[in-house]
Each structure stands twice: as structure tokens, then as C-alpha cells.
């Protein structure tokens, strides 16, 4: 591990030197590329340098313990280094884990009401609100791509994009069935109902990730329906995109122009096709799939929101929090961090088993 870390630090130093060279200033693309590489390596290099200082402190303390006058002080420093090193080693191991190439990407989220009728639709809207408020707290941008609303303010389904650096790294464990237990406003007997909503999270794919053959696509244009302003029912601005090999159908009407809706439909199609490719790869890597905290299967029940008890339980990692109101208002950082930590621990355990 030390050889690998020394090589990474040497690469980091080379990047620093190139960024400081005068000839680099005249090449904006190179500067952007080097800054990105530096940002990716920086957390690992900083921990490694701290680790190396702790090793040096331990070695110096061992030498000082030979001097009777310094022995007591040296023992304190030696003990402090001994306590610090294991934690730093674990951090380094985690930082050396293979990086998910999608971690820096935006995400496209689909939420669909499941079992529970109107109550499920209201819960689906609550999940959309929760994710939107979390994104807002991170200063990320949320844009609704399509939505099918109900009369009482719920959503049968909603598709939206969250744009922000590292959005996928935070949201990738949210796919699955979310269950709510609460007394609906329409329930006169005060009985607790159980409803569900399904969440699917996909990294936003770029054109370089997925090439679409236009011969595989059928594009139909039509007049938009529902709420949407002056253009609704007056111009053929809505687009229905059908990908014939997979049967994927995307309907886009949120933009005023047909061109904008077509661009949005193809962006969603790219992400859906990319998601299918990721799923095939994960199915082929069965052992890796089992090591994750969740398979990403949309039929897997991952979390319960119990309103009478004010608790949220993530079933994959056994985490229960009694702050449901705050969570529904977007305070989901603790849950996301716990999922990431559990995934890292599982991958690290698997890596150590095969080492």
C-alpha cells in the first residue's frame, strides 16, 4: 500500500508543478484538466501526509524513550501515534477503493406511487419535496422533467433532474421501495395505512456514454395537455419518444418549444439506456452486487417512514432515526452518509477477504 501511496503523492506533486508553470497558463483546457485531477487526488494525499507524519512521530518517540529524562513525554507521544495510525490506515484503505466513475454526475430521479391509491401519490410527492429540499441545501438545481399529478396534490409519477457536483455519489443508494405508515387525512376512523412509492435513481448520461441510433427511435409530436401556460393545446410542442429496441417511451411537454422537449426526451432516453447497461454489468458481477448495501433493485424495500412514531428506518443498514419531520424537510444527510459508510465497509471487507 505504501508504494502505491508514494506513487500517487508523486503524481500529485507533478500536477502541482505543472499548474505552477508559466506555459500552462496559456492552455485553459489543460488547466481545467489538471485542476480536476488535483481535486480527485487531494483528499487521499492529505490523509497520506498526515499518516506519514504520525509514523515519523512514532519513530521519534521510540528513539526518545531511550533517554530517561524524556521517557515519560515520549511515551505519551508514542501512545498518541499508536491510537491515530489505525484510523488513518482505514481512511487510506477507503480512499484507495475503486472510484465509481459516475460519482461526479448529475442524477435523474423517477418516483412512482405504488400501493395505496391517493395516499401513495401524496407520499410520492412528499419524497419529491424531501429530495428537492436536500438538493436546495446543497445549492444544487432541481428541474422537473415530467409529472402526472392528482387532484389532491399527489403525483402518480414524477421525473426530475438534480444538477450538482457529486449528486450521484449521494443519491445512488435511494433506488428501491419506500414505505410510509400514517393516518391519511381522509381516514375518519384514525387507522394507520401503509402505502409505498418506488424510487429509481439514474446517473445523467452524456452523449459519449451512450450513442443512440436514430433509426431505432420514433418521434411523435402532439399538443401538450394539463397545466402549462399559453402554449398548452395551441401548438404541437409535446414530444413522445419511443425507443423501439427496448420499448422505452418518454413523453416530454414541460418546455414551450418542440425542440427543447425533444432535447429533454433524448437526454432522459440516454440515461435510461445507460442505466440498463449498468444493470447488465452489475448482474454479470454477482459477487460485487452482493457486497453492496442494496442491489439497486427497484422491488427491494429499503426504508420505512412511520409517522405515528416519528421514525425513519433504513432496513438495509439497520439505521433508525427519530427525526421524521426534519427528514421529510430534506435533512437526509445522516442517512446518506450512513449508506455510503456501510457500502465502503462492505467493499473493504470483500477486498480484504480476497487479498
Protein backbone atom coordinates (compact mmCIF):
# COMPACT_ATOMS: atom_id res chain seq x y z
CA UNK A 1 0.00 0.00 0.00
CA UNK A 2 2.82 2.42 0.82
CA UNK A 3 4.35 2.03 -2.66
CA UNK A 4 1.02 2.88 -4.25
CA UNK A 5 0.51 5.87 -1.97
CA UNK A 6 4.02 7.18 -2.67
CA UNK A 7 3.36 6.93 -6.41
CA UNK A 8 0.06 8.82 -6.04
CA UNK A 9 1.74 11.56 -4.00
CA UNK A 10 4.49 11.87 -6.64
CA UNK A 11 1.81 12.28 -9.32
CA UNK A 12 0.08 14.92 -7.18
CA UNK A 13 3.35 16.85 -6.83
CA UNK A 14 3.86 16.71 -10.60
CA UNK A 15 0.39 18.15 -11.14
CA UNK A 16 1.15 20.96 -8.66
CA UNK A 17 4.37 21.74 -10.53
CA UNK A 18 2.63 21.80 -13.91
CA UNK A 19 -0.11 24.10 -12.57
CA UNK A 20 2.60 26.48 -11.35
CA UNK A 21 4.46 26.51 -14.68
CA UNK A 22 4.05 29.63 -16.80
CA UNK A 23 3.42 27.70 -20.04
CA UNK A 24 0.34 26.07 -18.52
CA UNK A 25 -1.45 29.43 -18.10
CA UNK A 26 -1.97 29.73 -21.86
CA UNK A 27 -3.86 26.45 -22.10
CA UNK A 28 -7.25 26.75 -20.32
CA UNK A 29 -8.25 23.17 -21.21
CA UNK A 30 -5.06 21.80 -19.67
CA UNK A 31 -5.55 23.91 -16.55
CA UNK A 32 -9.11 22.60 -16.15
CA UNK A 33 -7.90 19.00 -16.65
CA UNK A 34 -5.08 19.39 -14.11
CA UNK A 35 -7.36 21.07 -11.57
CA UNK A 36 -9.81 18.17 -11.86
CA UNK A 37 -7.04 15.59 -11.39
CA UNK A 38 -5.65 17.53 -8.42
CA UNK A 39 -9.09 17.76 -6.77
CA UNK A 40 -9.60 13.99 -7.14
CA UNK A 41 -6.22 13.15 -5.57
CA UNK A 42 -6.14 15.82 -2.87
CA UNK A 43 -8.19 14.04 -0.13
CA UNK A 44 -6.04 10.91 -0.42
CA UNK A 45 -2.75 12.83 -0.47
CA UNK A 46 -3.70 14.93 2.57
CA UNK A 47 -4.56 11.84 4.64
CA UNK A 48 -1.39 10.10 3.47
CA UNK A 49 0.75 13.04 4.53
CA UNK A 50 -0.95 13.05 7.94
CA UNK A 51 -0.33 9.30 8.17
CA UNK A 52 3.34 9.74 7.33
CA UNK A 53 3.73 12.46 9.97
CA UNK A 54 2.17 10.09 12.51
CA UNK A 55 4.67 7.39 11.50
CA UNK A 56 7.54 9.85 11.92
CA UNK A 57 6.20 10.94 15.33
CA UNK A 58 6.00 7.28 16.42
CA UNK A 59 9.60 6.62 15.30
CA UNK A 60 10.90 9.76 17.04
CA UNK A 61 9.05 8.85 20.25
CA UNK A 62 10.66 5.39 20.20
CA UNK A 63 14.13 6.99 19.99
CA UNK A 64 13.32 9.48 22.76
CA UNK A 65 12.20 6.70 25.14
CA UNK A 66 15.85 5.64 25.42
CA UNK A 67 16.51 8.91 27.29
CA UNK A 68 15.28 8.59 30.93
CA UNK A 69 14.55 12.33 31.13
CA UNK A 70 12.34 12.26 28.04
CA UNK A 71 10.83 8.83 28.53
CA UNK A 72 7.52 9.97 30.07
CA UNK A 73 6.89 12.61 27.41
CA UNK A 74 7.96 10.19 24.68
CA UNK A 75 5.54 7.52 25.90
CA UNK A 76 2.63 9.98 25.63
CA UNK A 77 3.58 10.87 22.05
CA UNK A 78 4.13 7.21 21.19
CA UNK A 79 0.69 6.26 22.55
CA UNK A 80 -0.97 9.12 20.68
CA UNK A 81 0.61 7.94 17.42
CA UNK A 82 -0.45 4.34 18.08
CA UNK A 83 -4.07 5.46 18.53
CA UNK A 84 -4.02 7.65 15.43
CA UNK A 85 -2.41 5.28 12.93
CA UNK A 86 -5.14 2.58 12.70
CA UNK A 87 -7.84 5.17 11.93
CA UNK A 88 -5.64 6.83 9.29
CA UNK A 89 -4.89 3.42 7.75
CA UNK A 90 -8.60 2.71 7.47
CA UNK A 91 -9.23 6.10 5.86
CA UNK A 92 -6.47 5.41 3.34
CA UNK A 93 -7.90 1.99 2.51
CA UNK A 94 -11.32 3.54 1.88
CA UNK A 95 -9.85 6.32 -0.27
CA UNK A 96 -7.96 3.68 -2.30
CA UNK A 97 -11.16 1.79 -3.12
CA UNK A 98 -12.03 1.92 -6.84
CA UNK A 99 -13.93 5.11 -7.54
CA UNK A 100 -17.38 4.98 -9.09
CA UNK A 101 -16.88 6.77 -12.45
CA UNK A 102 -20.40 8.19 -12.18
CA UNK A 103 -19.92 9.81 -8.75
CA UNK A 104 -19.49 13.32 -10.13
CA UNK A 105 -22.54 13.17 -12.40
CA UNK A 106 -25.98 14.72 -12.13
CA UNK A 107 -28.89 12.37 -11.43
CA UNK A 108 -32.29 11.72 -12.90
CA UNK A 109 -34.82 10.53 -10.33
CA UNK A 110 -38.12 8.80 -11.04
CA UNK A 111 -40.69 8.47 -8.26
CA UNK A 112 -43.83 6.41 -8.84
CA UNK A 113 -46.77 5.95 -6.49
CA UNK A 114 -47.18 2.28 -5.55
CA UNK A 115 -49.68 0.50 -3.31
CA UNK A 116 -52.10 2.81 -1.53
CA UNK A 117 -54.01 4.83 -4.12
CA UNK A 118 -54.20 8.57 -3.42
CA UNK A 119 -52.22 8.21 -0.18
CA UNK A 120 -49.35 6.64 -2.17
CA UNK A 121 -49.49 9.56 -4.63
CA UNK A 122 -49.31 12.06 -1.76
CA UNK A 123 -46.33 10.17 -0.31
CA UNK A 124 -44.61 10.18 -3.72
CA UNK A 125 -44.96 13.96 -3.76
CA UNK A 126 -43.56 14.14 -0.21
CA UNK A 127 -40.48 12.21 -1.34
CA UNK A 128 -40.02 14.61 -4.26
CA UNK A 129 -40.25 17.53 -1.84
CA UNK A 130 -37.74 15.86 0.52
CA UNK A 131 -35.18 15.35 -2.24
CA UNK A 132 -35.74 18.84 -3.64
CA UNK A 133 -35.17 20.45 -0.23
CA UNK A 134 -31.99 18.41 0.30
CA UNK A 135 -30.74 19.48 -3.15
CA UNK A 136 -31.52 23.11 -2.28
CA UNK A 137 -29.49 22.80 0.94
CA UNK A 138 -26.53 21.67 -1.21
CA UNK A 139 -27.12 24.58 -3.63
CA UNK A 140 -27.94 22.08 -6.38
CA UNK A 141 -30.51 22.75 -9.10
CA UNK A 142 -33.69 20.67 -9.41
CA UNK A 143 -35.70 20.60 -12.65
CA UNK A 144 -38.92 18.66 -13.21
CA UNK A 145 -38.82 16.73 -16.49
CA UNK A 146 -42.33 15.27 -16.36
CA UNK A 147 -45.09 14.79 -13.82
CA UNK A 148 -48.53 13.21 -13.61
CA UNK A 149 -50.40 14.97 -10.83
CA UNK A 150 -53.55 14.01 -8.93
CA UNK A 151 -56.41 16.27 -7.89
CA UNK A 152 -55.41 16.18 -4.20
CA UNK A 153 -51.82 17.35 -4.81
CA UNK A 154 -50.11 13.99 -5.14
CA UNK A 155 -48.18 12.58 -8.10
CA UNK A 156 -48.75 9.27 -9.84
CA UNK A 157 -45.22 9.66 -11.17
CA UNK A 158 -42.63 12.40 -11.40
CA UNK A 159 -39.28 12.52 -13.18
CA UNK A 160 -36.76 15.21 -12.26
CA UNK A 161 -33.10 16.05 -12.69
CA UNK A 162 -30.80 17.17 -9.89
CA UNK A 163 -27.74 19.01 -11.15
CA UNK A 164 -24.82 19.24 -8.75
CA UNK A 165 -21.25 18.08 -8.37
CA UNK A 166 -21.37 14.65 -6.74
CA UNK A 167 -25.15 14.25 -6.94
CA UNK A 168 -24.86 10.59 -7.98
CA UNK A 169 -22.46 9.81 -5.14
CA UNK A 170 -25.16 10.95 -2.70
CA UNK A 171 -28.34 9.67 -4.32
CA UNK A 172 -27.25 6.32 -5.78
CA UNK A 173 -28.47 4.31 -2.77
CA UNK A 174 -32.02 5.74 -2.88
CA UNK A 175 -33.36 3.33 -5.51
CA UNK A 176 -35.97 0.94 -4.16
CA UNK A 177 -39.37 0.80 -2.45
CA UNK A 178 -40.03 3.45 0.20
CA UNK A 179 -42.87 2.63 2.60
CA UNK A 180 -44.95 5.07 4.63
CA UNK A 181 -47.12 4.28 7.64
CA UNK A 182 -49.50 7.06 8.70
CA UNK A 183 -53.15 8.01 9.17
CA UNK A 184 -54.42 9.61 5.93
CA UNK A 185 -56.32 12.89 6.21
CA UNK A 186 -59.28 11.17 4.57
CA UNK A 187 -59.33 8.38 7.20
CA UNK A 188 -62.18 9.10 9.63
CA UNK A 189 -61.51 6.06 11.84
CA UNK A 190 -57.92 7.04 12.65
CA UNK A 191 -56.48 3.81 11.25
CA UNK A 192 -52.87 3.66 10.15
CA UNK A 193 -52.47 2.90 6.45
CA UNK A 194 -49.37 1.52 4.74
CA UNK A 195 -48.53 2.87 1.30
CA UNK A 196 -45.50 2.70 -0.95
CA UNK A 197 -43.64 4.62 -3.61
CA UNK A 198 -40.87 3.38 -5.87
CA UNK A 199 -37.74 5.46 -6.42
CA UNK A 200 -35.34 4.92 -9.32
CA UNK A 201 -32.11 6.93 -9.48
CA UNK A 202 -30.00 7.07 -12.65
CA UNK A 203 -26.80 8.96 -13.43
CA UNK A 204 -27.34 11.51 -16.17
CA UNK A 205 -25.66 10.04 -19.25
CA UNK A 206 -23.71 12.13 -21.73
CA UNK A 207 -23.52 11.54 -25.46
CA UNK A 208 -20.09 9.96 -25.04
CA UNK A 209 -21.61 7.41 -22.65
CA UNK A 210 -24.44 6.26 -24.92
CA UNK A 211 -24.72 6.54 -28.69
CA UNK A 212 -28.33 6.44 -29.92
CA UNK A 213 -29.14 5.18 -33.40
CA UNK A 214 -31.85 7.47 -34.75
CA UNK A 215 -33.19 4.57 -36.85
CA UNK A 216 -34.16 2.93 -33.55
CA UNK A 217 -36.32 5.90 -32.50
CA UNK A 218 -39.80 7.06 -33.38
CA UNK A 219 -40.71 10.66 -32.58
CA UNK A 220 -44.34 11.77 -32.36
CA UNK A 221 -45.33 15.38 -31.76
CA UNK A 222 -48.64 16.48 -30.27
CA UNK A 223 -50.31 19.20 -28.29
CA UNK A 224 -49.41 19.33 -24.62
CA UNK A 225 -52.09 18.68 -22.01
CA UNK A 226 -52.68 19.80 -18.44
CA UNK A 227 -51.16 22.84 -16.76
CA UNK A 228 -48.53 24.62 -18.81
CA UNK A 229 -49.42 28.15 -19.80
CA UNK A 230 -50.33 29.70 -23.14
CA UNK A 231 -48.74 27.03 -25.34
CA UNK A 232 -50.84 24.19 -23.97
CA UNK A 233 -53.36 22.88 -26.52
CA UNK A 234 -52.36 25.58 -29.04
CA UNK A 235 -49.10 24.25 -30.54
CA UNK A 236 -47.64 20.81 -31.23
CA UNK A 237 -44.86 21.26 -28.66
CA UNK A 238 -45.11 17.96 -26.76
CA UNK A 239 -42.88 15.09 -27.82
CA UNK A 240 -43.30 11.35 -27.39
CA UNK A 241 -40.06 9.47 -28.00
CA UNK A 242 -40.18 5.69 -28.48
CA UNK A 243 -37.01 3.60 -28.44
CA UNK A 244 -38.13 0.54 -30.40
CA UNK A 245 -35.42 -2.00 -29.39
CA UNK A 246 -36.15 -1.57 -25.66
CA UNK A 247 -39.75 -0.36 -25.75
CA UNK A 248 -38.85 2.70 -23.64
CA UNK A 249 -41.34 5.53 -24.14
CA UNK A 250 -40.64 9.07 -22.96
CA UNK A 251 -43.17 11.87 -23.03
CA UNK A 252 -41.88 15.42 -22.67
CA UNK A 253 -44.07 18.53 -22.55
CA UNK A 254 -42.62 20.75 -19.82
CA UNK A 255 -40.82 23.11 -22.24
CA UNK A 256 -42.51 25.64 -24.50
CA UNK A 257 -40.81 24.57 -27.72
CA UNK A 258 -40.86 21.26 -29.51
CA UNK A 259 -37.06 21.39 -29.93
CA UNK A 260 -36.49 21.81 -26.18
CA UNK A 261 -38.86 18.96 -25.37
CA UNK A 262 -37.12 16.75 -27.95
CA UNK A 263 -33.69 17.52 -26.41
CA UNK A 264 -35.03 16.72 -22.94
CA UNK A 265 -36.59 13.45 -24.16
CA UNK A 266 -33.30 12.30 -25.68
CA UNK A 267 -31.43 13.26 -22.50
CA UNK A 268 -33.81 11.08 -20.48
CA UNK A 269 -33.53 8.25 -23.01
CA UNK A 270 -29.72 8.30 -22.82
CA UNK A 271 -29.87 8.00 -19.05
CA UNK A 272 -32.39 5.13 -19.18
CA UNK A 273 -30.24 3.23 -21.69
CA UNK A 274 -27.14 3.91 -19.60
CA UNK A 275 -28.99 2.62 -16.53
CA UNK A 276 -29.83 -0.59 -18.42
CA UNK A 277 -26.15 -1.03 -19.33
CA UNK A 278 -25.16 -0.52 -15.68
CA UNK A 279 -27.73 -3.10 -14.58
CA UNK A 280 -26.38 -5.67 -17.07
CA UNK A 281 -22.87 -5.08 -15.78
CA UNK A 282 -23.96 -5.45 -12.15
CA UNK A 283 -25.82 -8.69 -12.96
CA UNK A 284 -22.65 -10.02 -14.57
CA UNK A 285 -20.66 -9.14 -11.45
CA UNK A 286 -22.81 -11.06 -8.99
CA UNK A 287 -20.24 -11.10 -6.19
CA UNK A 288 -19.73 -7.36 -6.38
CA UNK A 289 -23.51 -6.89 -6.37
CA UNK A 290 -23.87 -8.93 -3.18
CA UNK A 291 -21.23 -6.81 -1.47
CA UNK A 292 -23.30 -3.66 -1.83
CA UNK A 293 -25.71 -2.47 0.85
CA UNK A 294 -28.54 -2.61 -1.66
CA UNK A 295 -28.78 -4.30 -5.01
CA UNK A 296 -30.41 -1.29 -6.64
CA UNK A 297 -33.41 -3.49 -7.37
CA UNK A 298 -36.48 -1.28 -7.51
CA UNK A 299 -38.59 -4.00 -5.89
CA UNK A 300 -36.40 -4.04 -2.77
CA UNK A 301 -37.99 -2.42 0.30
CA UNK A 302 -35.29 -0.12 1.59
CA UNK A 303 -36.89 2.33 4.02
CA UNK A 304 -39.95 2.89 6.21
CA UNK A 305 -41.31 6.30 7.26
CA UNK A 306 -43.51 5.77 10.33
CA UNK A 307 -45.39 8.97 11.15
CA UNK A 308 -47.15 7.89 14.40
CA UNK A 309 -43.76 7.01 15.92
CA UNK A 310 -41.87 9.84 14.20
CA UNK A 311 -39.20 7.45 12.97
CA UNK A 312 -37.43 6.52 9.76
CA UNK A 313 -35.79 3.09 9.42
CA UNK A 314 -33.39 2.08 6.67
CA UNK A 315 -33.75 -1.70 6.53
CA UNK A 316 -30.51 -2.36 4.63
CA UNK A 317 -28.20 -0.95 7.28
CA UNK A 318 -30.41 -1.20 10.39
CA UNK A 319 -30.44 2.56 10.95
CA UNK A 320 -33.40 4.10 12.81
CA UNK A 321 -33.72 7.85 13.38
CA UNK A 322 -36.44 9.58 15.39
CA UNK A 323 -36.50 12.86 13.48
CA UNK A 324 -39.02 12.17 10.75
CA UNK A 325 -40.20 15.80 10.45
CA UNK A 326 -36.67 17.02 9.78
CA UNK A 327 -36.01 14.20 7.32
CA UNK A 328 -39.18 14.94 5.33
CA UNK A 329 -37.95 18.55 5.17
CA UNK A 330 -34.75 17.46 3.44
CA UNK A 331 -32.47 16.65 6.37
CA UNK A 332 -31.32 13.31 4.92
CA UNK A 333 -27.54 13.80 5.14
CA UNK A 334 -27.16 11.40 8.08
CA UNK A 335 -28.98 8.63 6.20
CA UNK A 336 -26.97 9.17 3.01
CA UNK A 337 -23.66 9.22 4.92
CA UNK A 338 -24.59 6.01 6.75
CA UNK A 339 -25.40 4.27 3.46
CA UNK A 340 -22.10 5.39 1.94
CA UNK A 341 -20.15 4.27 5.02
CA UNK A 342 -21.89 0.87 5.02
CA UNK A 343 -21.13 0.38 1.33
CA UNK A 344 -17.47 1.31 1.86
CA UNK A 345 -17.20 -1.10 4.79
CA UNK A 346 -18.72 -3.93 2.73
CA UNK A 347 -16.38 -3.29 -0.20
CA UNK A 348 -13.38 -3.00 2.11
CA UNK A 349 -14.27 -6.29 3.82
CA UNK A 350 -14.58 -8.02 0.46
CA UNK A 351 -11.25 -6.56 -0.67
CA UNK A 352 -9.51 -7.82 2.49
CA UNK A 353 -11.03 -11.28 2.03
CA UNK A 354 -9.59 -11.57 -1.48
CA UNK A 355 -6.23 -10.01 -0.60
